[in-house]
Amino acid sequence: MGKNDSTEVYIDNLKAKGFIFREDALGFIEFGKHYTGSSDHLVNIAIEITLKAQKQFDGSFFVSFLEILKKEEVDSKKHAYKLAEEKNII
């Protein structure tokens, strides 16, 4: 995952690796991005951690975790993983 990858490119890369995103999942991603005003980079990190924590995409988990990342002013993947570990998410 490149820091400058758009969320669309990131999702396409995950699909190429065999991950399945239904329409409702894509809707949650768009909703979460706009609701929190998050960058593609932060959205991509939240997708990655959601998949690792839940073993599949869980829309409500994703939006909640994205809200936490935004509230805690997370700006890097390293910081996001540290926060996820502190909160016993992963």
PDB file of N, CA and C in Angstrom:
ATOM      1  N   MET A   1       0.858  -1.183   0.000  1.00  0.00           N
ATOM      2  CA  MET A   1       0.000   0.000   0.000  1.00  0.00           C
ATOM      3  C   MET A   1       0.889   1.227   0.000  1.00  0.00           C
ATOM      4  N   GLY A   2       0.758   2.019  -1.033  1.00  0.00           N
ATOM      5  CA  GLY A   2       1.502   3.262  -1.098  1.00  0.00           C
ATOM      6  C   GLY A   2       0.762   4.353  -0.349  1.00  0.00           C
ATOM      7  N   LYS A   3       1.526   5.247   0.267  1.00  0.00           N
ATOM      8  CA  LYS A   3       0.913   6.324   1.043  1.00  0.00           C
ATOM      9  C   LYS A   3       0.018   7.205   0.177  1.00  0.00           C
ATOM     10  N   ASN A   4       0.334   7.282  -1.111  1.00  0.00           N
ATOM     11  CA  ASN A   4      -0.428   8.158  -1.995  1.00  0.00           C
ATOM     12  C   ASN A   4      -1.483   7.430  -2.821  1.00  0.00           C
ATOM     13  N   ASP A   5      -1.679   6.131  -2.568  1.00  0.00           N
ATOM     14  CA  ASP A   5      -2.704   5.393  -3.303  1.00  0.00           C
ATOM     15  C   ASP A   5      -4.090   5.915  -2.945  1.00  0.00           C
ATOM     16  N   SER A   6      -4.908   6.095  -3.969  1.00  0.00           N
ATOM     17  CA  SER A   6      -6.299   6.448  -3.690  1.00  0.00           C
ATOM     18  C   SER A   6      -6.980   5.224  -3.081  1.00  0.00           C
ATOM     19  N   THR A   7      -8.078   5.446  -2.397  1.00  0.00           N
ATOM     20  CA  THR A   7      -8.813   4.327  -1.818  1.00  0.00           C
ATOM     21  C   THR A   7      -9.311   3.400  -2.913  1.00  0.00           C
ATOM     22  N   GLU A   8      -9.697   3.945  -4.048  1.00  0.00           N
ATOM     23  CA  GLU A   8     -10.164   3.122  -5.164  1.00  0.00           C
ATOM     24  C   GLU A   8      -9.055   2.180  -5.643  1.00  0.00           C
ATOM     25  N   VAL A   9      -7.840   2.698  -5.804  1.00  0.00           N
ATOM     26  CA  VAL A   9      -6.702   1.871  -6.226  1.00  0.00           C
ATOM     27  C   VAL A   9      -6.394   0.830  -5.152  1.00  0.00           C
ATOM     28  N   TYR A  10      -6.438   1.236  -3.901  1.00  0.00           N
ATOM     29  CA  TYR A  10      -6.155   0.320  -2.794  1.00  0.00           C
ATOM     30  C   TYR A  10      -7.157  -0.848  -2.791  1.00  0.00           C
ATOM     31  N   ILE A  11      -8.433  -0.536  -2.944  1.00  0.00           N
ATOM     32  CA  ILE A  11      -9.471  -1.579  -2.970  1.00  0.00           C
ATOM     33  C   ILE A  11      -9.278  -2.487  -4.188  1.00  0.00           C
ATOM     34  N   ASP A  12      -8.947  -1.902  -5.338  1.00  0.00           N
ATOM     35  CA  ASP A  12      -8.699  -2.711  -6.536  1.00  0.00           C
ATOM     36  C   ASP A  12      -7.538  -3.677  -6.292  1.00  0.00           C
ATOM     37  N   ASN A  13      -6.492  -3.220  -5.617  1.00  0.00           N
ATOM     38  CA  ASN A  13      -5.354  -4.090  -5.302  1.00  0.00           C
ATOM     39  C   ASN A  13      -5.778  -5.228  -4.375  1.00  0.00           C
ATOM     40  N   LEU A  14      -6.618  -4.922  -3.391  1.00  0.00           N
ATOM     41  CA  LEU A  14      -7.110  -5.966  -2.481  1.00  0.00           C
ATOM     42  C   LEU A  14      -7.991  -6.970  -3.220  1.00  0.00           C
ATOM     43  N   LYS A  15      -8.831  -6.480  -4.119  1.00  0.00           N
ATOM     44  CA  LYS A  15      -9.681  -7.369  -4.918  1.00  0.00           C
ATOM     45  C   LYS A  15      -8.818  -8.307  -5.756  1.00  0.00           C
ATOM     46  N   ALA A  16      -7.725  -7.781  -6.318  1.00  0.00           N
ATOM     47  CA  ALA A  16      -6.816  -8.600  -7.123  1.00  0.00           C
ATOM     48  C   ALA A  16      -6.172  -9.703  -6.282  1.00  0.00           C
ATOM     49  N   LYS A  17      -6.072  -9.471  -4.967  1.00  0.00           N
ATOM     50  CA  LYS A  17      -5.501 -10.466  -4.057  1.00  0.00           C
ATOM     51  C   LYS A  17      -6.560 -11.427  -3.524  1.00  0.00           C
ATOM     52  N   GLY A  18      -7.826 -11.231  -3.939  1.00  0.00           N
ATOM     53  CA  GLY A  18      -8.875 -12.164  -3.559  1.00  0.00           C
ATOM     54  C   GLY A  18      -9.858 -11.668  -2.512  1.00  0.00           C
ATOM     55  N   PHE A  19      -9.676 -10.458  -2.022  1.00  0.00           N
ATOM     56  CA  PHE A  19     -10.650  -9.924  -1.061  1.00  0.00           C
ATOM     57  C   PHE A  19     -11.916  -9.525  -1.814  1.00  0.00           C
ATOM     58  N   ILE A  20     -13.037  -9.746  -1.163  1.00  0.00           N
ATOM     59  CA  ILE A  20     -14.325  -9.442  -1.780  1.00  0.00           C
ATOM     60  C   ILE A  20     -14.967  -8.271  -1.040  1.00  0.00           C
ATOM     61  N   PHE A  21     -15.357  -7.265  -1.797  1.00  0.00           N
ATOM     62  CA  PHE A  21     -16.057  -6.104  -1.242  1.00  0.00           C
ATOM     63  C   PHE A  21     -17.409  -6.007  -1.929  1.00  0.00           C
ATOM     64  N   ARG A  22     -18.477  -6.244  -1.174  1.00  0.00           N
ATOM     65  CA  ARG A  22     -19.818  -6.109  -1.731  1.00  0.00           C
ATOM     66  C   ARG A  22     -20.178  -4.625  -1.803  1.00  0.00           C
ATOM     67  N   GLU A  23     -21.274  -4.337  -2.442  1.00  0.00           N
ATOM     68  CA  GLU A  23     -21.720  -2.947  -2.595  1.00  0.00           C
ATOM     69  C   GLU A  23     -21.908  -2.261  -1.249  1.00  0.00           C
ATOM     70  N   ASP A  24     -22.448  -2.983  -0.255  1.00  0.00           N
ATOM     71  CA  ASP A  24     -22.658  -2.354   1.048  1.00  0.00           C
ATOM     72  C   ASP A  24     -21.322  -1.989   1.694  1.00  0.00           C
ATOM     73  N   ALA A  25     -20.291  -2.797   1.483  1.00  0.00           N
ATOM     74  CA  ALA A  25     -18.961  -2.495   2.031  1.00  0.00           C
ATOM     75  C   ALA A  25     -18.410  -1.226   1.400  1.00  0.00           C
ATOM     76  N   LEU A  26     -18.552  -1.123   0.093  1.00  0.00           N
ATOM     77  CA  LEU A  26     -18.079   0.075  -0.599  1.00  0.00           C
ATOM     78  C   LEU A  26     -18.847   1.306  -0.127  1.00  0.00           C
ATOM     79  N   GLY A  27     -20.138   1.128   0.158  1.00  0.00           N
ATOM     80  CA  GLY A  27     -20.940   2.224   0.691  1.00  0.00           C
ATOM     81  C   GLY A  27     -20.459   2.672   2.064  1.00  0.00           C
ATOM     82  N   PHE A  28     -20.125   1.716   2.925  1.00  0.00           N
ATOM     83  CA  PHE A  28     -19.594   2.048   4.248  1.00  0.00           C
ATOM     84  C   PHE A  28     -18.268   2.801   4.124  1.00  0.00           C
ATOM     85  N   ILE A  29     -17.442   2.382   3.188  1.00  0.00           N
ATOM     86  CA  ILE A  29     -16.151   3.041   3.011  1.00  0.00           C
ATOM     87  C   ILE A  29     -16.352   4.492   2.585  1.00  0.00           C
ATOM     88  N   GLU A  30     -17.213   4.707   1.612  1.00  0.00           N
ATOM     89  CA  GLU A  30     -17.491   6.080   1.159  1.00  0.00           C
ATOM     90  C   GLU A  30     -18.125   6.906   2.270  1.00  0.00           C
ATOM     91  N   PHE A  31     -19.096   6.306   2.964  1.00  0.00           N
ATOM     92  CA  PHE A  31     -19.750   7.011   4.059  1.00  0.00           C
ATOM     93  C   PHE A  31     -18.730   7.403   5.132  1.00  0.00           C
ATOM     94  N   GLY A  32     -17.907   6.445   5.551  1.00  0.00           N
ATOM     95  CA  GLY A  32     -16.919   6.711   6.596  1.00  0.00           C
ATOM     96  C   GLY A  32     -15.938   7.783   6.198  1.00  0.00           C
ATOM     97  N   LYS A  33     -15.499   7.729   4.949  1.00  0.00           N
ATOM     98  CA  LYS A  33     -14.542   8.724   4.455  1.00  0.00           C
ATOM     99  C   LYS A  33     -15.135  10.128   4.528  1.00  0.00           C
ATOM    100  N   HIS A  34     -16.359  10.276   4.057  1.00  0.00           N
ATOM    101  CA  HIS A  34     -16.991  11.599   4.042  1.00  0.00           C
ATOM    102  C   HIS A  34     -17.449  12.028   5.434  1.00  0.00           C
ATOM    103  N   TYR A  35     -17.973  11.102   6.209  1.00  0.00           N
ATOM    104  CA  TYR A  35     -18.461  11.398   7.564  1.00  0.00           C
ATOM    105  C   TYR A  35     -17.345  11.917   8.456  1.00  0.00           C
ATOM    106  N   THR A  36     -16.157  11.311   8.331  1.00  0.00           N
ATOM    107  CA  THR A  36     -15.034  11.709   9.181  1.00  0.00           C
ATOM    108  C   THR A  36     -14.119  12.733   8.522  1.00  0.00           C
ATOM    109  N   GLY A  37     -14.308  12.957   7.223  1.00  0.00           N
ATOM    110  CA  GLY A  37     -13.436  13.883   6.511  1.00  0.00           C
ATOM    111  C   GLY A  37     -12.003  13.371   6.436  1.00  0.00           C
ATOM    112  N   SER A  38     -11.855  12.061   6.331  1.00  0.00           N
ATOM    113  CA  SER A  38     -10.529  11.440   6.352  1.00  0.00           C
ATOM    114  C   SER A  38      -9.895  11.397   4.968  1.00  0.00           C
ATOM    115  N   SER A  39      -8.576  11.393   4.965  1.00  0.00           N
ATOM    116  CA  SER A  39      -7.817  11.261   3.722  1.00  0.00           C
ATOM    117  C   SER A  39      -7.890   9.818   3.223  1.00  0.00           C
ATOM    118  N   ASP A  40      -7.571   9.628   1.951  1.00  0.00           N
ATOM    119  CA  ASP A  40      -7.514   8.274   1.405  1.00  0.00           C
ATOM    120  C   ASP A  40      -6.518   7.426   2.197  1.00  0.00           C
ATOM    121  N   HIS A  41      -5.395   8.024   2.554  1.00  0.00           N
ATOM    122  CA  HIS A  41      -4.363   7.291   3.298  1.00  0.00           C
ATOM    123  C   HIS A  41      -4.930   6.742   4.611  1.00  0.00           C
ATOM    124  N   LEU A  42      -5.643   7.566   5.363  1.00  0.00           N
ATOM    125  CA  LEU A  42      -6.211   7.120   6.637  1.00  0.00           C
ATOM    126  C   LEU A  42      -7.305   6.077   6.414  1.00  0.00           C
ATOM    127  N   VAL A  43      -8.114   6.264   5.398  1.00  0.00           N
ATOM    128  CA  VAL A  43      -9.164   5.295   5.059  1.00  0.00           C
ATOM    129  C   VAL A  43      -8.535   3.946   4.712  1.00  0.00           C
ATOM    130  N   ASN A  44      -7.468   3.966   3.936  1.00  0.00           N
ATOM    131  CA  ASN A  44      -6.788   2.728   3.550  1.00  0.00           C
ATOM    132  C   ASN A  44      -6.224   2.002   4.767  1.00  0.00           C
ATOM    133  N   ILE A  45      -5.659   2.739   5.705  1.00  0.00           N
ATOM    134  CA  ILE A  45      -5.151   2.136   6.937  1.00  0.00           C
ATOM    135  C   ILE A  45      -6.299   1.504   7.719  1.00  0.00           C
ATOM    136  N   ALA A  46      -7.420   2.204   7.816  1.00  0.00           N
ATOM    137  CA  ALA A  46      -8.575   1.674   8.544  1.00  0.00           C
ATOM    138  C   ALA A  46      -9.119   0.412   7.877  1.00  0.00           C
ATOM    139  N   ILE A  47      -9.114   0.372   6.549  1.00  0.00           N
ATOM    140  CA  ILE A  47      -9.546  -0.834   5.831  1.00  0.00           C
ATOM    141  C   ILE A  47      -8.609  -1.985   6.180  1.00  0.00           C
ATOM    142  N   GLU A  48      -7.310  -1.745   6.115  1.00  0.00           N
ATOM    143  CA  GLU A  48      -6.322  -2.789   6.398  1.00  0.00           C
ATOM    144  C   GLU A  48      -6.487  -3.360   7.806  1.00  0.00           C
ATOM    145  N   ILE A  49      -6.609  -2.490   8.782  1.00  0.00           N
ATOM    146  CA  ILE A  49      -6.732  -2.958  10.162  1.00  0.00           C
ATOM    147  C   ILE A  49      -8.083  -3.635  10.385  1.00  0.00           C
ATOM    148  N   THR A  50      -9.130  -3.144   9.747  1.00  0.00           N
ATOM    149  CA  THR A  50     -10.438  -3.799   9.836  1.00  0.00           C
ATOM    150  C   THR A  50     -10.347  -5.230   9.322  1.00  0.00           C
ATOM    151  N   LEU A  51      -9.704  -5.418   8.185  1.00  0.00           N
ATOM    152  CA  LEU A  51      -9.575  -6.764   7.609  1.00  0.00           C
ATOM    153  C   LEU A  51      -8.738  -7.673   8.510  1.00  0.00           C
ATOM    154  N   LYS A  52      -7.690  -7.130   9.109  1.00  0.00           N
ATOM    155  CA  LYS A  52      -6.857  -7.946   9.999  1.00  0.00           C
ATOM    156  C   LYS A  52      -7.586  -8.299  11.285  1.00  0.00           C
ATOM    157  N   ALA A  53      -8.338  -7.359  11.817  1.00  0.00           N
ATOM    158  CA  ALA A  53      -9.026  -7.586  13.088  1.00  0.00           C
ATOM    159  C   ALA A  53     -10.261  -8.455  12.934  1.00  0.00           C
ATOM    160  N   GLN A  54     -10.992  -8.290  11.843  1.00  0.00           N
ATOM    161  CA  GLN A  54     -12.279  -8.958  11.663  1.00  0.00           C
ATOM    162  C   GLN A  54     -12.219 -10.149  10.704  1.00  0.00           C
ATOM    163  N   LYS A  55     -11.103 -10.316  10.003  1.00  0.00           N
ATOM    164  CA  LYS A  55     -10.914 -11.398   9.016  1.00  0.00           C
ATOM    165  C   LYS A  55     -11.800 -11.239   7.780  1.00  0.00           C
ATOM    166  N   GLN A  56     -12.579 -10.197   7.756  1.00  0.00           N
ATOM    167  CA  GLN A  56     -13.403  -9.823   6.601  1.00  0.00           C
ATOM    168  C   GLN A  56     -13.765  -8.362   6.802  1.00  0.00           C
ATOM    169  N   PHE A  57     -14.398  -7.752   5.807  1.00  0.00           N
ATOM    170  CA  PHE A  57     -14.758  -6.344   5.970  1.00  0.00           C
ATOM    171  C   PHE A  57     -16.052  -6.225   6.757  1.00  0.00           C
ATOM    172  N   ASP A  58     -15.995  -5.480   7.842  1.00  0.00           N
ATOM    173  CA  ASP A  58     -17.159  -5.199   8.696  1.00  0.00           C
ATOM    174  C   ASP A  58     -17.361  -3.685   8.670  1.00  0.00           C
ATOM    175  N   GLY A  59     -18.416  -3.247   7.992  1.00  0.00           N
ATOM    176  CA  GLY A  59     -18.644  -1.824   7.784  1.00  0.00           C
ATOM    177  C   GLY A  59     -18.769  -1.001   9.041  1.00  0.00           C
ATOM    178  N   SER A  60     -19.532  -1.475  10.003  1.00  0.00           N
ATOM    179  CA  SER A  60     -19.718  -0.682  11.225  1.00  0.00           C
ATOM    180  C   SER A  60     -18.421  -0.622  12.029  1.00  0.00           C
ATOM    181  N   PHE A  61     -17.661  -1.719  12.058  1.00  0.00           N
ATOM    182  CA  PHE A  61     -16.359  -1.719  12.728  1.00  0.00           C
ATOM    183  C   PHE A  61     -15.437  -0.705  12.052  1.00  0.00           C
ATOM    184  N   PHE A  62     -15.427  -0.734  10.721  1.00  0.00           N
ATOM    185  CA  PHE A  62     -14.583   0.180   9.951  1.00  0.00           C
ATOM    186  C   PHE A  62     -14.889   1.635  10.286  1.00  0.00           C
ATOM    187  N   VAL A  63     -16.152   2.015  10.245  1.00  0.00           N
ATOM    188  CA  VAL A  63     -16.519   3.410  10.507  1.00  0.00           C
ATOM    189  C   VAL A  63     -16.133   3.795  11.941  1.00  0.00           C
ATOM    190  N   SER A  64     -16.399   2.916  12.892  1.00  0.00           N
ATOM    191  CA  SER A  64     -16.044   3.207  14.289  1.00  0.00           C
ATOM    192  C   SER A  64     -14.535   3.372  14.452  1.00  0.00           C
ATOM    193  N   PHE A  65     -13.768   2.475  13.820  1.00  0.00           N
ATOM    194  CA  PHE A  65     -12.318   2.559  13.943  1.00  0.00           C
ATOM    195  C   PHE A  65     -11.795   3.806  13.238  1.00  0.00           C
ATOM    196  N   LEU A  66     -12.367   4.147  12.098  1.00  0.00           N
ATOM    197  CA  LEU A  66     -11.955   5.359  11.387  1.00  0.00           C
ATOM    198  C   LEU A  66     -12.225   6.598  12.238  1.00  0.00           C
ATOM    199  N   GLU A  67     -13.344   6.604  12.938  1.00  0.00           N
ATOM    200  CA  GLU A  67     -13.642   7.716  13.853  1.00  0.00           C
ATOM    201  C   GLU A  67     -12.578   7.822  14.942  1.00  0.00           C
ATOM    202  N   ILE A  68     -12.161   6.689  15.479  1.00  0.00           N
ATOM    203  CA  ILE A  68     -11.120   6.679  16.518  1.00  0.00           C
ATOM    204  C   ILE A  68      -9.808   7.228  15.948  1.00  0.00           C
ATOM    205  N   LEU A  69      -9.440   6.766  14.757  1.00  0.00           N
ATOM    206  CA  LEU A  69      -8.205   7.243  14.142  1.00  0.00           C
ATOM    207  C   LEU A  69      -8.238   8.756  13.953  1.00  0.00           C
ATOM    208  N   LYS A  70      -9.368   9.250  13.501  1.00  0.00           N
ATOM    209  CA  LYS A  70      -9.511  10.693  13.266  1.00  0.00           C
ATOM    210  C   LYS A  70      -9.462  11.465  14.591  1.00  0.00           C
ATOM    211  N   LYS A  71     -10.180  10.970  15.590  1.00  0.00           N
ATOM    212  CA  LYS A  71     -10.222  11.635  16.902  1.00  0.00           C
ATOM    213  C   LYS A  71      -8.834  11.690  17.538  1.00  0.00           C
ATOM    214  N   GLU A  72      -8.081  10.603  17.387  1.00  0.00           N
ATOM    215  CA  GLU A  72      -6.738  10.514  17.977  1.00  0.00           C
ATOM    216  C   GLU A  72      -5.669  11.161  17.095  1.00  0.00           C
ATOM    217  N   GLU A  73      -6.097  11.750  15.983  1.00  0.00           N
ATOM    218  CA  GLU A  73      -5.211  12.442  15.052  1.00  0.00           C
ATOM    219  C   GLU A  73      -4.062  11.553  14.571  1.00  0.00           C
ATOM    220  N   VAL A  74      -4.413  10.319  14.241  1.00  0.00           N
ATOM    221  CA  VAL A  74      -3.434   9.365  13.724  1.00  0.00           C
ATOM    222  C   VAL A  74      -2.988   9.828  12.341  1.00  0.00           C
ATOM    223  N   ASP A  75      -1.684   9.783  12.105  1.00  0.00           N
ATOM    224  CA  ASP A  75      -1.162  10.252  10.829  1.00  0.00           C
ATOM    225  C   ASP A  75      -0.251   9.248  10.132  1.00  0.00           C
ATOM    226  N   SER A  76      -0.108   8.066  10.718  1.00  0.00           N
ATOM    227  CA  SER A  76       0.740   7.057  10.089  1.00  0.00           C
ATOM    228  C   SER A  76       0.208   5.653  10.387  1.00  0.00           C
ATOM    229  N   LYS A  77       0.632   4.711   9.559  1.00  0.00           N
ATOM    230  CA  LYS A  77       0.232   3.326   9.753  1.00  0.00           C
ATOM    231  C   LYS A  77       0.784   2.809  11.085  1.00  0.00           C
ATOM    232  N   LYS A  78       2.008   3.169  11.399  1.00  0.00           N
ATOM    233  CA  LYS A  78       2.640   2.733  12.654  1.00  0.00           C
ATOM    234  C   LYS A  78       1.813   3.202  13.854  1.00  0.00           C
ATOM    235  N   HIS A  79       1.402   4.460  13.833  1.00  0.00           N
ATOM    236  CA  HIS A  79       0.594   5.023  14.918  1.00  0.00           C
ATOM    237  C   HIS A  79      -0.764   4.315  14.995  1.00  0.00           C
ATOM    238  N   ALA A  80      -1.350   4.011  13.844  1.00  0.00           N
ATOM    239  CA  ALA A  80      -2.651   3.327  13.808  1.00  0.00           C
ATOM    240  C   ALA A  80      -2.551   1.932  14.412  1.00  0.00           C
ATOM    241  N   TYR A  81      -1.501   1.207  14.077  1.00  0.00           N
ATOM    242  CA  TYR A  81      -1.317  -0.144  14.633  1.00  0.00           C
ATOM    243  C   TYR A  81      -1.067  -0.087  16.137  1.00  0.00           C
ATOM    244  N   LYS A  82      -0.306   0.894  16.570  1.00  0.00           N
ATOM    245  CA  LYS A  82      -0.050   1.047  18.006  1.00  0.00           C
ATOM    246  C   LYS A  82      -1.367   1.307  18.742  1.00  0.00           C
ATOM    247  N   LEU A  83      -2.182   2.180  18.204  1.00  0.00           N
ATOM    248  CA  LEU A  83      -3.477   2.489  18.803  1.00  0.00           C
ATOM    249  C   LEU A  83      -4.385   1.253  18.808  1.00  0.00           C
ATOM    250  N   ALA A  84      -4.395   0.510  17.713  1.00  0.00           N
ATOM    251  CA  ALA A  84      -5.213  -0.709  17.628  1.00  0.00           C
ATOM    252  C   ALA A  84      -4.767  -1.723  18.670  1.00  0.00           C
ATOM    253  N   GLU A  85      -3.484  -1.837  18.906  1.00  0.00           N
ATOM    254  CA  GLU A  85      -2.987  -2.756  19.929  1.00  0.00           C
ATOM    255  C   GLU A  85      -3.362  -2.266  21.326  1.00  0.00           C
ATOM    256  N   GLU A  86      -3.239  -0.980  21.577  1.00  0.00           N
ATOM    257  CA  GLU A  86      -3.601  -0.408  22.884  1.00  0.00           C
ATOM    258  C   GLU A  86      -5.067  -0.652  23.211  1.00  0.00           C
ATOM    259  N   LYS A  87      -5.905  -0.622  22.189  1.00  0.00           N
ATOM    260  CA  LYS A  87      -7.352  -0.794  22.377  1.00  0.00           C
ATOM    261  C   LYS A  87      -7.778  -2.258  22.216  1.00  0.00           C
ATOM    262  N   ASN A  88      -6.794  -3.161  22.154  1.00  0.00           N
ATOM    263  CA  ASN A  88      -7.036  -4.596  22.007  1.00  0.00           C
ATOM    264  C   ASN A  88      -7.897  -4.944  20.803  1.00  0.00           C
ATOM    265  N   ILE A  89      -7.686  -4.213  19.731  1.00  0.00           N
ATOM    266  CA  ILE A  89      -8.406  -4.469  18.488  1.00  0.00           C
ATOM    267  C   ILE A  89      -7.703  -5.566  17.713  1.00  0.00           C
ATOM    268  N   ILE A  90      -6.377  -5.542  17.754  1.00  0.00           N
ATOM    269  CA  ILE A  90      -5.574  -6.597  17.110  1.00  0.00           C
ATOM    270  C   ILE A  90      -4.532  -7.096  18.089  1.00  0.00           C
TER     271      ILE A  90
END
